[in-house]
Every structure is written in structure tokens, then in C-alpha cells.
Amino acid sequence: MIRILIADDHAIVRRGLAQLIREEFASAEIAEVGDAEELIALVTEKDWDIIICDLSMPGRSGLDALRQIKQMHPSMPVLIMSMHDEDQYALRVLKAGASAYLGKDNIHENIIKAIRTVLLGKKFITPSIAEKLAEALENDANQLPHEKLSDREFDVFKLLAGGKAVSDIADQLSLSVTTVSTYRSRILEKMNFKSNADLTRYALNNQLI
């Protein structure tokens, strides 16, 4: 019996995935949570064979949860799903330790194949993501501005671009205001921008928010 934990803030998505999985793995134990805090709590309480986590949830992001899960359980497979194009997030989540990046537009086609693949101890990589990985190895010198950011800087960047105040970001990420302000300065410097408005404009143009 495999144990699968699904994290998504939309109940209809969780139930749809659970139904698909049970059609293939009738005896699977499946639990559902609606945010990253609940996800981390259940991962702390017991072991899971696979975690399926949405990238964008209220509060902490799926990427932030992924990092903490990999710190606690380095070998635990985490499948990240997202409404965002592969171009924007696939490489980042795979580098952070995810076993797969699944676009929500075709997740129903790939979820069972992905589960079977990661149960064998492998990563599930679509042909298009494999191509992007190859391109990334060749083009490290031609990174886009947001690709120069660390994962934590990227989290802060998205929140700043989304209009969050530094104090609100500090509360959400459990950081000090001083630390978030330092991240903001680094982000602006690395991306060669001068203001939060520049960050917002860039994020919208590149479909990052």
C-alpha cells in the first residue's frame, strides 16, 4: 500500500487527483491538506511514499515547503504541480529537489506515469523539460534576471512583485524585517532594478505572478 499526501488549496483539485490515483492504486492511503503549514505538520507526523504539492498556496509557497521537506526527508519524493508554464518554474523546483514538475493543464495525463516513475526512485521529466535542462546547461551565462536569484530571494521577489509590504513578507516567511529588507536590496541589485514597481512590471511581463 502506498501512502500519498496531496497539498492544494482547492478541494476540487485534491479530490480529482485522489480519484484518479485510486483508479490506478485502489489500496492507496491518500490524505489531503489545503496549505503548506498543514503539509509540513503531516510530513512531520508520519512517512509518505509520495507528496504531491501545488506550487502556489496561501501563506508559504510550495517551493518553500519543498525545501523544508527535503531537509527533513531528503529521499522523500515530492511532485510539484503548477498552473504556471514550465518555462517559469520547472528548472527551479527540480534543482530544489522535486521529483517532478507537472503542469495543471495536463496533470491528468501525467500524474499516474509520474507516480510510477518516482516510486522506482527516478525523476519524472517530460521531453520539453528535458530540453530546457539541456539548454540551461549550455546557457548559464545568458540567464534571465530572475534566474540569478536564490530560492529564498525568488520567494521574496514574488511577494514584493505582488504588492506585499516588507513587514507582511517577514510575517509570512517567519523572517525579521531587517532580513527581508536585505533580501530586497539584493534582489534589486541582482536584477538591476530600482523599485518594487520595476519588480511588479517584470513579474507580470514574464508571467511570474
Protein backbone atom coordinates (compact mmCIF):
# COMPACT_ATOMS: atom_id res chain seq x y z
CA MET A 1 0.00 0.00 0.00
CA ILE A 2 1.40 3.37 -0.98
CA ARG A 3 0.84 6.48 1.12
CA ILE A 4 0.25 9.70 -0.80
CA LEU A 5 -0.21 13.21 0.59
CA ILE A 6 -1.85 15.83 -1.65
CA ALA A 7 -1.46 19.54 -0.86
CA ASP A 8 -3.56 22.09 -2.77
CA ASP A 9 -5.75 24.95 -1.61
CA HIS A 10 -8.57 23.91 -3.97
CA ALA A 11 -10.62 20.98 -2.67
CA ILE A 12 -11.85 20.08 -6.15
CA VAL A 13 -8.26 19.64 -7.37
CA ARG A 14 -7.37 17.43 -4.38
CA ARG A 15 -10.45 15.25 -4.82
CA GLY A 16 -9.96 14.94 -8.57
CA LEU A 17 -6.38 13.79 -8.11
CA ALA A 18 -7.34 11.40 -5.32
CA GLN A 19 -9.99 9.82 -7.54
CA LEU A 20 -7.54 9.40 -10.43
CA ILE A 21 -4.95 7.83 -8.15
CA ARG A 22 -7.43 5.41 -6.56
CA GLU A 23 -8.49 4.19 -10.00
CA GLU A 24 -4.92 3.01 -10.54
CA PHE A 25 -3.86 2.29 -6.94
CA ALA A 26 -7.04 1.04 -5.27
CA SER A 27 -5.45 0.39 -1.88
CA ALA A 28 -3.54 3.67 -1.67
CA GLU A 29 -3.74 5.65 1.55
CA ILE A 30 -4.40 9.25 0.47
CA ALA A 31 -4.51 12.31 2.73
CA GLU A 32 -5.34 15.87 1.70
CA VAL A 33 -4.27 19.26 3.08
CA GLY A 34 -5.04 22.80 1.99
CA ASP A 35 -1.84 24.73 2.72
CA ALA A 36 1.89 24.40 3.36
CA GLU A 37 1.60 24.54 7.15
CA GLU A 38 -0.75 21.54 7.23
CA LEU A 39 1.54 19.79 4.76
CA ILE A 40 4.64 20.22 6.92
CA ALA A 41 2.71 19.12 10.00
CA LEU A 42 1.66 15.82 8.39
CA VAL A 43 5.13 15.21 6.97
CA THR A 44 6.49 15.67 10.48
CA GLU A 45 3.98 13.21 11.93
CA LYS A 46 4.48 10.26 9.57
CA ASP A 47 6.29 8.99 6.49
CA TRP A 48 4.81 9.23 3.00
CA ASP A 49 5.79 7.45 -0.18
CA ILE A 50 4.90 10.44 -2.37
CA ILE A 51 3.91 14.05 -1.78
CA ILE A 52 2.01 15.96 -4.48
CA CYS A 53 2.15 19.69 -3.77
CA ASP A 54 0.82 22.79 -5.50
CA LEU A 55 3.41 25.49 -6.11
CA SER A 56 1.11 28.41 -5.21
CA MET A 57 -0.84 28.17 -1.96
CA PRO A 58 -1.94 30.69 0.67
CA GLY A 59 0.85 31.57 3.07
CA ARG A 60 4.10 29.73 2.41
CA SER A 61 4.72 28.62 -1.16
CA GLY A 62 5.06 25.07 -2.33
CA LEU A 63 8.70 25.80 -3.14
CA ASP A 64 9.32 26.86 0.45
CA ALA A 65 7.57 23.70 1.69
CA LEU A 66 9.63 21.59 -0.72
CA ARG A 67 12.88 22.93 0.73
CA GLN A 68 11.80 22.11 4.29
CA ILE A 69 10.57 18.64 3.35
CA LYS A 70 13.88 17.83 1.64
CA GLN A 71 15.75 18.97 4.74
CA MET A 72 13.68 16.62 6.92
CA HIS A 73 13.43 13.73 4.46
CA PRO A 74 15.97 14.05 1.63
CA SER A 75 14.76 10.90 -0.14
CA MET A 76 11.02 11.60 0.08
CA PRO A 77 9.67 12.16 -3.47
CA VAL A 78 7.85 15.46 -3.95
CA LEU A 79 5.87 16.14 -7.13
CA ILE A 80 5.24 19.84 -7.68
CA MET A 81 2.19 20.85 -9.71
CA SER A 82 1.50 24.33 -11.02
CA MET A 83 -0.66 26.42 -13.32
CA HIS A 84 2.49 28.25 -14.46
CA ASP A 85 4.32 27.35 -17.67
CA GLU A 86 7.29 25.01 -17.42
CA ASP A 87 9.50 27.85 -18.67
CA GLN A 88 8.93 29.80 -15.46
CA TYR A 89 9.38 27.29 -12.64
CA ALA A 90 10.29 23.74 -13.77
CA LEU A 91 14.06 24.09 -13.56
CA ARG A 92 13.93 25.88 -10.22
CA VAL A 93 11.78 23.27 -8.47
CA LEU A 94 13.78 20.38 -9.93
CA LYS A 95 17.02 21.97 -8.73
CA ALA A 96 15.40 22.38 -5.30
CA GLY A 97 14.87 18.62 -5.11
CA ALA A 98 11.45 17.96 -6.62
CA SER A 99 11.00 14.61 -8.36
CA ALA A 100 8.67 16.07 -10.99
CA TYR A 101 7.11 19.29 -12.23
CA LEU A 102 3.55 18.79 -13.50
CA GLY A 103 1.58 21.48 -15.30
CA LYS A 104 -2.04 21.53 -14.16
CA ASP A 105 -3.22 21.77 -17.76
CA ASN A 106 -2.06 18.21 -18.42
CA ILE A 107 -1.66 16.74 -14.95
CA HIS A 108 -4.43 14.19 -15.56
CA GLU A 109 -2.38 12.74 -18.41
CA ASN A 110 0.88 12.61 -16.45
CA ILE A 111 0.08 12.00 -12.79
CA ILE A 112 -0.02 8.17 -12.90
CA LYS A 113 3.11 7.99 -15.08
CA ALA A 114 4.84 10.37 -12.68
CA ILE A 115 3.87 8.34 -9.61
CA ARG A 116 5.07 5.09 -11.19
CA THR A 117 8.36 6.73 -12.18
CA VAL A 118 9.17 8.24 -8.78
CA LEU A 119 8.23 5.00 -7.00
CA LEU A 120 11.16 3.49 -8.92
CA GLY A 121 13.43 6.14 -7.42
CA LYS A 122 13.66 8.20 -10.61
CA LYS A 123 12.66 11.74 -11.57
CA PHE A 124 9.74 12.23 -13.95
CA ILE A 125 10.95 14.57 -16.67
CA THR A 126 8.77 15.45 -19.65
CA PRO A 127 10.52 15.79 -23.04
CA SER A 128 10.02 19.56 -23.02
CA ILE A 129 11.59 19.90 -19.54
CA ALA A 130 14.48 17.66 -20.59
CA GLU A 131 15.11 20.04 -23.46
CA LYS A 132 15.05 23.02 -21.12
CA LEU A 133 17.52 21.31 -18.76
CA ALA A 134 19.89 20.79 -21.68
CA GLU A 135 19.51 24.40 -22.77
CA ALA A 136 20.13 25.62 -19.22
CA LEU A 137 23.45 23.75 -19.07
CA GLU A 138 24.54 25.46 -22.28
CA ASN A 139 23.24 28.92 -21.46
CA ASP A 140 24.14 29.61 -17.82
CA ALA A 141 25.78 32.83 -18.96
CA ASN A 142 22.53 34.02 -20.55
CA GLN A 143 20.28 33.76 -17.50
CA LEU A 144 17.20 35.92 -17.22
CA PRO A 145 17.31 38.38 -14.29
CA HIS A 146 15.02 36.31 -12.02
CA GLU A 147 17.06 33.16 -12.68
CA LYS A 148 20.02 34.78 -10.89
CA LEU A 149 18.10 34.79 -7.59
CA SER A 150 18.45 32.17 -4.89
CA ASP A 151 15.29 30.26 -3.98
CA ARG A 152 14.67 32.44 -0.90
CA GLU A 153 15.32 35.62 -2.88
CA PHE A 154 12.90 34.34 -5.51
CA ASP A 155 10.20 33.85 -2.84
CA VAL A 156 10.71 37.40 -1.58
CA PHE A 157 10.80 38.75 -5.13
CA LYS A 158 7.39 37.24 -5.96
CA LEU A 159 5.83 38.64 -2.80
CA LEU A 160 7.30 42.10 -3.39
CA ALA A 161 6.14 42.00 -7.01
CA GLY A 162 2.69 41.01 -5.80
CA GLY A 163 2.45 44.17 -3.70
CA LYS A 164 3.26 42.77 -0.25
CA ALA A 165 4.88 45.08 2.30
CA VAL A 166 8.23 44.10 3.80
CA SER A 167 6.63 43.63 7.23
CA ASP A 168 3.95 41.33 5.79
CA ILE A 169 6.58 39.26 3.97
CA ALA A 170 8.56 38.97 7.20
CA ASP A 171 5.48 37.58 8.98
CA GLN A 172 4.63 35.19 6.16
CA LEU A 173 8.13 33.75 5.83
CA SER A 174 8.98 33.88 9.55
CA LEU A 175 11.88 36.24 8.96
CA SER A 176 12.87 39.55 10.52
CA VAL A 177 12.01 42.80 8.78
CA THR A 178 15.74 43.54 8.55
CA THR A 179 16.39 40.23 6.80
CA VAL A 180 13.61 40.81 4.27
CA SER A 181 14.92 44.32 3.61
CA THR A 182 18.34 42.84 2.95
CA TYR A 183 16.84 40.35 0.53
CA ARG A 184 15.00 43.20 -1.22
CA SER A 185 18.27 45.12 -1.67
CA ARG A 186 20.00 42.02 -3.09
CA ILE A 187 17.11 41.34 -5.46
CA LEU A 188 17.08 44.87 -6.83
CA GLU A 189 20.86 44.77 -7.27
CA LYS A 190 20.93 41.35 -8.97
CA MET A 191 18.07 42.22 -11.30
CA ASN A 192 19.35 45.76 -11.92
CA PHE A 193 16.09 47.39 -10.83
CA LYS A 194 15.43 50.41 -8.65
CA SER A 195 11.95 49.91 -7.18
CA ASN A 196 9.19 47.45 -6.32
CA ALA A 197 7.24 48.81 -9.28
CA ASP A 198 10.04 47.56 -11.55
CA LEU A 199 9.76 44.13 -9.95
CA THR A 200 6.00 44.06 -10.45
CA ARG A 201 6.28 45.09 -14.09
CA TYR A 202 8.94 42.44 -14.76
CA ALA A 203 6.96 39.70 -12.98
CA LEU A 204 3.82 40.49 -14.97
CA ASN A 205 5.70 40.62 -18.25
CA ASN A 206 7.28 37.23 -17.55
CA GLN A 207 4.08 35.63 -16.14
CA LEU A 208 5.66 35.00 -12.74
CA ILE A 209 2.64 36.28 -10.80
